[in-house]
Amino acid sequence: MILVRPLLTEKSTKGSEHKKHPVFSFEVNMDANKLDIAEEVESIYGVKVEEVRTMVARGKKHTRQTKKGVSRGKSPNYKKAIVKLKDGGTIDFYTNV
């Protein structure tokens, strides 16, 4: 499975509201490439993909004070894909909620 989950943030929602070329964001598998991502989005959602941009988001470091001392940790890295659809395409994430 290449697509892990859709990223529903304020910025990604704003990008999906474009009429001509809507843009949607997904968290994807770290081994996925742009062709695999485009094929899976087209097969799952039934839309035509124009462009795919990918990036690796680095995990943030966390430090917290506890009774036993300082506890340090890090959230995992993840890969993001920004998918631009062709004219008239749209994805509705809220229909099955």
Protein backbone atom coordinates (compact mmCIF):
# COMPACT_ATOMS: atom_id res chain seq x y z
CA MET A 1 0.00 0.00 0.00
CA ILE A 2 1.56 3.24 -1.13
CA LEU A 3 -0.89 5.82 0.24
CA VAL A 4 -0.83 5.85 4.05
CA ARG A 5 -3.41 8.59 4.68
CA PRO A 6 -4.56 11.94 3.33
CA LEU A 7 -3.12 15.02 5.04
CA LEU A 8 -6.03 17.25 6.02
CA THR A 9 -4.41 20.46 7.16
CA GLU A 10 -5.49 24.06 6.68
CA LYS A 11 -2.91 24.58 3.95
CA SER A 12 -3.82 21.41 2.04
CA THR A 13 -7.54 22.18 2.26
CA LYS A 14 -6.91 25.61 0.76
CA GLY A 15 -5.07 23.98 -2.16
CA SER A 16 -7.96 21.62 -2.83
CA GLU A 17 -10.37 24.54 -3.33
CA HIS A 18 -8.81 25.64 -6.65
CA LYS A 19 -11.32 25.25 -9.49
CA LYS A 20 -8.92 24.69 -12.40
CA HIS A 21 -6.17 22.48 -10.89
CA PRO A 22 -6.94 21.23 -7.35
CA VAL A 23 -4.03 20.02 -5.20
CA PHE A 24 -4.25 17.27 -2.55
CA SER A 25 -1.67 16.08 0.01
CA PHE A 26 -1.03 12.51 1.12
CA GLU A 27 1.34 10.76 3.49
CA VAL A 28 2.96 7.99 1.46
CA ASN A 29 5.29 5.05 1.97
CA MET A 30 8.97 6.06 2.15
CA ASP A 31 9.86 3.71 -0.74
CA ALA A 32 7.18 5.06 -3.10
CA ASN A 33 8.14 6.98 -6.24
CA LYS A 34 6.11 9.53 -8.19
CA LEU A 35 4.85 7.07 -10.81
CA ASP A 36 3.58 4.63 -8.16
CA ILE A 37 1.84 7.44 -6.28
CA ALA A 38 0.12 8.74 -9.43
CA GLU A 39 -1.07 5.25 -10.40
CA GLU A 40 -2.51 4.53 -6.96
CA VAL A 41 -4.33 7.88 -6.70
CA GLU A 42 -5.83 7.33 -10.16
CA SER A 43 -6.96 3.79 -9.33
CA ILE A 44 -8.40 4.53 -5.87
CA TYR A 45 -10.12 7.87 -6.51
CA GLY A 46 -10.83 7.59 -10.25
CA VAL A 47 -9.21 10.91 -11.23
CA LYS A 48 -6.44 11.91 -13.65
CA VAL A 49 -3.17 13.09 -12.09
CA GLU A 50 -1.23 15.88 -13.78
CA GLU A 51 1.75 16.28 -11.45
CA VAL A 52 3.21 14.72 -8.28
CA ARG A 53 5.67 16.45 -5.97
CA THR A 54 7.28 14.59 -3.06
CA MET A 55 9.25 15.56 0.02
CA VAL A 56 10.53 13.92 3.19
CA ALA A 57 9.31 15.64 6.34
CA ARG A 58 11.79 15.22 9.17
CA GLY A 59 10.50 14.15 12.58
CA LYS A 60 10.60 16.66 15.40
CA LYS A 61 12.67 16.19 18.54
CA HIS A 62 10.88 16.22 21.88
CA THR A 63 12.26 16.80 25.38
CA ARG A 64 10.25 16.58 28.56
CA GLN A 65 11.07 16.75 32.25
CA THR A 66 9.95 13.77 34.35
CA LYS A 67 10.53 12.58 37.90
CA LYS A 68 13.24 10.24 36.65
CA GLY A 69 15.06 12.97 34.73
CA VAL A 70 15.04 14.29 31.20
CA SER A 71 13.23 12.17 28.62
CA ARG A 72 14.20 12.69 25.00
CA GLY A 73 12.50 11.33 21.92
CA LYS A 74 11.85 11.93 18.24
CA SER A 75 8.78 11.50 16.08
CA PRO A 76 9.39 9.45 12.93
CA ASN A 77 10.23 10.87 9.51
CA TYR A 78 7.55 10.56 6.86
CA LYS A 79 7.18 11.19 3.14
CA LYS A 80 4.62 13.64 1.76
CA ALA A 81 3.18 13.71 -1.75
CA ILE A 82 1.40 16.71 -3.22
CA VAL A 83 -0.80 15.57 -6.10
CA LYS A 84 -2.10 18.03 -8.71
CA LEU A 85 -5.17 16.86 -10.62
CA LYS A 86 -6.14 17.61 -14.21
CA ASP A 87 -9.07 19.88 -15.15
CA GLY A 88 -12.33 19.09 -13.41
CA GLY A 89 -10.94 16.41 -11.09
CA THR A 90 -11.73 16.44 -7.40
CA ILE A 91 -11.44 14.13 -4.39
CA ASP A 92 -13.95 14.23 -1.52
CA PHE A 93 -12.45 12.85 1.70
CA TYR A 94 -15.53 13.59 3.79
CA THR A 95 -18.14 11.34 2.08
CA ASN A 96 -17.28 8.20 4.11
CA VAL A 97 -16.90 9.90 7.48
